[in-house]
């Protein structure tokens, strides 16, 4: 893979940092690539803003911080408002459908937008806390950046044994949702914009 800058952002309690860890582990341990991750939190541990910066590459990474993300995953409206403008032209934005309203996009940028009701899917599985595994599965499907088996192994290696089955189910639900999104809306950017972006 070419060098890819990713930001995952939301609020504490959504598993933002773990999501980035899973993707970085999949790339570096199970796919033989390189990964760096940095993170920051708001003053509150749960409910406060938090984000993680992830850089993936086939070659050693010389600078661990992102300059302009190729992929932005936003799981809260605050994260969208704060980090949405930094997504590069031609980038991919992945949003939590029920928590983020896409608006005020830069009309000069071509951005692919994919959305998933990750929290709702997690709740249907019985635990809201696995929404990060749902989102990671969705990310894997729509970006096609990482091998799905590598990400599955990273999930299996990173969660407590008692929650292993549930997290793998959550990953598969997100992955299937992503595959379906690609199949039913080949030009996802236009389809999502028509659904979500209504300028004031």
Protein backbone atom coordinates (compact mmCIF):
# COMPACT_ATOMS: atom_id res chain seq x y z
CA UNK A 1 0.00 0.00 0.00
CA UNK A 2 1.14 3.54 -0.62
CA UNK A 3 1.52 5.83 2.36
CA UNK A 4 -1.99 6.51 3.68
CA UNK A 5 -2.93 9.00 6.40
CA UNK A 6 -6.01 8.20 8.47
CA UNK A 7 -7.78 10.04 11.26
CA UNK A 8 -10.38 8.36 13.47
CA UNK A 9 -12.33 10.78 15.65
CA UNK A 10 -15.33 10.81 17.95
CA UNK A 11 -15.88 10.97 21.69
CA UNK A 12 -14.61 8.94 24.61
CA UNK A 13 -16.41 5.64 25.05
CA UNK A 14 -16.84 4.92 21.32
CA UNK A 15 -13.63 2.95 21.01
CA UNK A 16 -11.93 5.52 18.78
CA UNK A 17 -8.41 4.65 19.93
CA UNK A 18 -9.03 0.91 19.80
CA UNK A 19 -10.33 1.26 16.24
CA UNK A 20 -7.03 2.83 15.18
CA UNK A 21 -5.06 0.20 17.10
CA UNK A 22 -6.92 -2.59 15.31
CA UNK A 23 -6.24 -1.11 11.87
CA UNK A 24 -2.59 -0.45 12.68
CA UNK A 25 -2.09 -3.93 14.09
CA UNK A 26 -3.72 -5.51 11.03
CA UNK A 27 -1.35 -3.61 8.75
CA UNK A 28 1.88 -4.02 10.71
CA UNK A 29 1.56 -7.47 12.29
CA UNK A 30 -0.73 -9.41 9.97
CA UNK A 31 -0.09 -7.75 6.63
CA UNK A 32 3.64 -7.08 6.82
CA UNK A 33 3.33 -3.31 6.35
CA UNK A 34 4.29 -0.40 8.62
CA UNK A 35 2.09 1.66 10.93
CA UNK A 36 2.39 4.52 13.39
CA UNK A 37 -0.33 5.86 15.67
CA UNK A 38 -0.68 8.95 17.84
CA UNK A 39 -3.71 9.92 19.90
CA UNK A 40 -5.21 12.78 21.87
CA UNK A 41 -8.08 13.16 24.32
CA UNK A 42 -10.24 15.92 25.69
CA UNK A 43 -10.26 16.63 29.45
CA UNK A 44 -12.95 14.02 30.05
CA UNK A 45 -12.14 10.33 29.70
CA UNK A 46 -15.65 9.38 28.61
CA UNK A 47 -17.79 11.72 26.54
CA UNK A 48 -14.95 14.12 25.72
CA UNK A 49 -13.49 14.58 22.25
CA UNK A 50 -10.79 12.17 21.20
CA UNK A 51 -9.01 11.25 18.00
CA UNK A 52 -6.25 9.03 16.69
CA UNK A 53 -3.86 9.62 13.82
CA UNK A 54 -2.78 6.55 11.90
CA UNK A 55 -0.19 6.34 9.12
CA UNK A 56 0.10 3.13 7.09
CA UNK A 57 2.70 2.32 4.45
CA UNK A 58 4.57 -0.48 2.70
CA UNK A 59 7.85 1.21 3.62
CA UNK A 60 9.21 2.60 6.90
CA UNK A 61 7.38 5.73 8.06
CA UNK A 62 9.62 8.71 8.68
CA UNK A 63 7.02 11.12 10.09
CA UNK A 64 4.35 9.72 12.44
CA UNK A 65 1.86 12.61 12.24
CA UNK A 66 -0.71 13.20 9.55
CA UNK A 67 -0.63 16.39 7.49
CA UNK A 68 -3.85 15.95 5.51
CA UNK A 69 -5.75 12.67 5.92
CA UNK A 70 -6.61 10.46 2.96
CA UNK A 71 -9.32 8.79 5.07
CA UNK A 72 -11.38 10.38 7.83
CA UNK A 73 -13.61 8.35 10.15
CA UNK A 74 -15.96 10.53 12.20
CA UNK A 75 -18.25 9.17 14.88
CA UNK A 76 -19.63 12.41 16.33
CA UNK A 77 -20.85 15.76 15.01
CA UNK A 78 -18.12 17.58 16.91
CA UNK A 79 -15.49 15.43 15.20
CA UNK A 80 -17.04 16.14 11.80
CA UNK A 81 -17.04 19.90 12.37
CA UNK A 82 -13.51 19.93 13.71
CA UNK A 83 -11.77 17.54 11.34
CA UNK A 84 -13.97 17.45 8.22
CA UNK A 85 -12.26 20.41 6.53
CA UNK A 86 -8.83 18.79 6.73
CA UNK A 87 -9.73 15.79 4.53
CA UNK A 88 -7.77 15.98 1.31
CA UNK A 89 -9.28 16.32 -2.14
CA UNK A 90 -10.15 12.84 -3.42
CA UNK A 91 -10.32 11.50 0.13
CA UNK A 92 -12.75 9.11 1.79
CA UNK A 93 -15.02 10.10 4.67
CA UNK A 94 -16.70 7.43 6.79
CA UNK A 95 -19.42 8.64 9.15
CA UNK A 96 -21.62 7.25 11.91
CA UNK A 97 -24.93 7.73 10.15
CA UNK A 98 -27.10 8.41 13.20
CA UNK A 99 -24.69 10.78 14.93
CA UNK A 100 -23.23 12.85 12.10
CA UNK A 101 -25.02 15.22 9.75
CA UNK A 102 -22.90 15.93 6.69
CA UNK A 103 -23.15 19.58 5.64
CA UNK A 104 -21.07 22.54 4.48
CA UNK A 105 -18.76 20.43 2.35
CA UNK A 106 -16.04 22.12 0.34
CA UNK A 107 -17.54 22.13 -3.16
CA UNK A 108 -14.03 22.24 -4.62
CA UNK A 109 -13.16 18.84 -3.20
CA UNK A 110 -14.19 15.47 -4.57
CA UNK A 111 -14.90 13.38 -1.49
CA UNK A 112 -16.34 9.88 -1.28
CA UNK A 113 -18.72 9.61 1.67
CA UNK A 114 -19.82 6.31 3.21
CA UNK A 115 -22.18 6.09 6.16
CA UNK A 116 -23.21 3.30 8.52
CA UNK A 117 -25.51 3.22 11.58
CA UNK A 118 -22.73 1.53 13.57
CA UNK A 119 -24.16 2.31 17.01
CA UNK A 120 -27.57 0.95 16.04
CA UNK A 121 -26.02 -2.24 14.63
CA UNK A 122 -23.98 -2.67 17.83
CA UNK A 123 -27.10 -2.23 19.95
CA UNK A 124 -28.92 -4.85 17.87
CA UNK A 125 -26.07 -7.23 18.70
CA UNK A 126 -26.64 -6.50 22.38
CA UNK A 127 -23.66 -4.27 23.26
CA UNK A 128 -23.20 -0.69 22.17
CA UNK A 129 -19.52 -0.97 23.10
CA UNK A 130 -18.77 -3.07 19.97
CA UNK A 131 -19.64 -0.22 17.61
CA UNK A 132 -15.90 0.24 17.00
CA UNK A 133 -15.66 -3.32 15.64
CA UNK A 134 -18.66 -2.59 13.41
CA UNK A 135 -16.93 0.55 12.14
CA UNK A 136 -13.63 -1.28 11.58
CA UNK A 137 -15.44 -3.92 9.53
CA UNK A 138 -17.15 -1.22 7.47
CA UNK A 139 -13.84 0.61 6.99
CA UNK A 140 -12.22 -2.61 5.78
CA UNK A 141 -14.94 -3.20 3.19
CA UNK A 142 -15.29 0.28 1.72
CA UNK A 143 -11.64 1.36 1.64
CA UNK A 144 -10.21 -2.00 0.52
CA UNK A 145 -6.97 -0.79 2.05
CA UNK A 146 -6.40 -3.79 4.32
CA UNK A 147 -6.92 -7.50 3.90
CA UNK A 148 -10.10 -8.56 5.70
CA UNK A 149 -8.46 -11.64 7.25
CA UNK A 150 -5.64 -9.47 8.63
CA UNK A 151 -8.19 -7.21 10.33
CA UNK A 152 -10.15 -10.19 11.68
CA UNK A 153 -6.94 -11.51 13.27
CA UNK A 154 -6.22 -8.10 14.77
CA UNK A 155 -9.72 -7.99 16.28
CA UNK A 156 -9.35 -11.51 17.67
CA UNK A 157 -5.98 -10.61 19.17
CA UNK A 158 -7.09 -7.35 20.78
CA UNK A 159 -10.32 -8.00 22.68
CA UNK A 160 -10.96 -9.94 25.90
CA UNK A 161 -11.77 -13.64 25.31
CA UNK A 162 -15.23 -13.18 26.79
CA UNK A 163 -16.08 -10.63 24.09
CA UNK A 164 -14.25 -12.29 21.20
CA UNK A 165 -17.31 -13.85 19.54
CA UNK A 166 -19.36 -10.66 19.87
CA UNK A 167 -16.60 -8.45 18.42
CA UNK A 168 -16.07 -10.78 15.48
CA UNK A 169 -19.83 -10.76 14.84
CA UNK A 170 -19.73 -6.96 14.97
CA UNK A 171 -16.84 -6.88 12.51
CA UNK A 172 -18.71 -9.14 10.08
CA UNK A 173 -21.88 -7.03 10.34
CA UNK A 174 -19.92 -3.89 9.50
CA UNK A 175 -18.03 -5.62 6.71
CA UNK A 176 -21.23 -6.98 5.15
CA UNK A 177 -22.84 -3.54 5.37
CA UNK A 178 -19.84 -2.07 3.56
CA UNK A 179 -19.85 -4.71 0.82
CA UNK A 180 -23.57 -4.07 0.33
CA UNK A 181 -22.98 -0.31 0.13
CA UNK A 182 -20.39 -0.79 -2.60
CA UNK A 183 -22.67 -3.17 -4.51
CA UNK A 184 -25.85 -1.12 -4.37
CA UNK A 185 -24.26 2.31 -4.85
CA UNK A 186 -21.23 2.11 -7.14
CA UNK A 187 -21.05 5.91 -7.26
CA UNK A 188 -21.32 6.20 -3.51
CA UNK A 189 -20.15 9.77 -3.37
CA UNK A 190 -23.11 11.08 -5.37
CA UNK A 191 -25.60 8.75 -3.69
CA UNK A 192 -24.54 9.74 -0.18
CA UNK A 193 -24.44 13.43 -0.99
CA UNK A 194 -27.99 13.31 -2.31
CA UNK A 195 -29.11 11.65 0.92
CA UNK A 196 -27.13 13.64 3.44
CA UNK A 197 -25.91 16.93 2.06
CA UNK A 198 -28.54 19.63 1.84
CA UNK A 199 -26.96 23.11 1.77
CA UNK A 200 -28.76 25.71 3.83
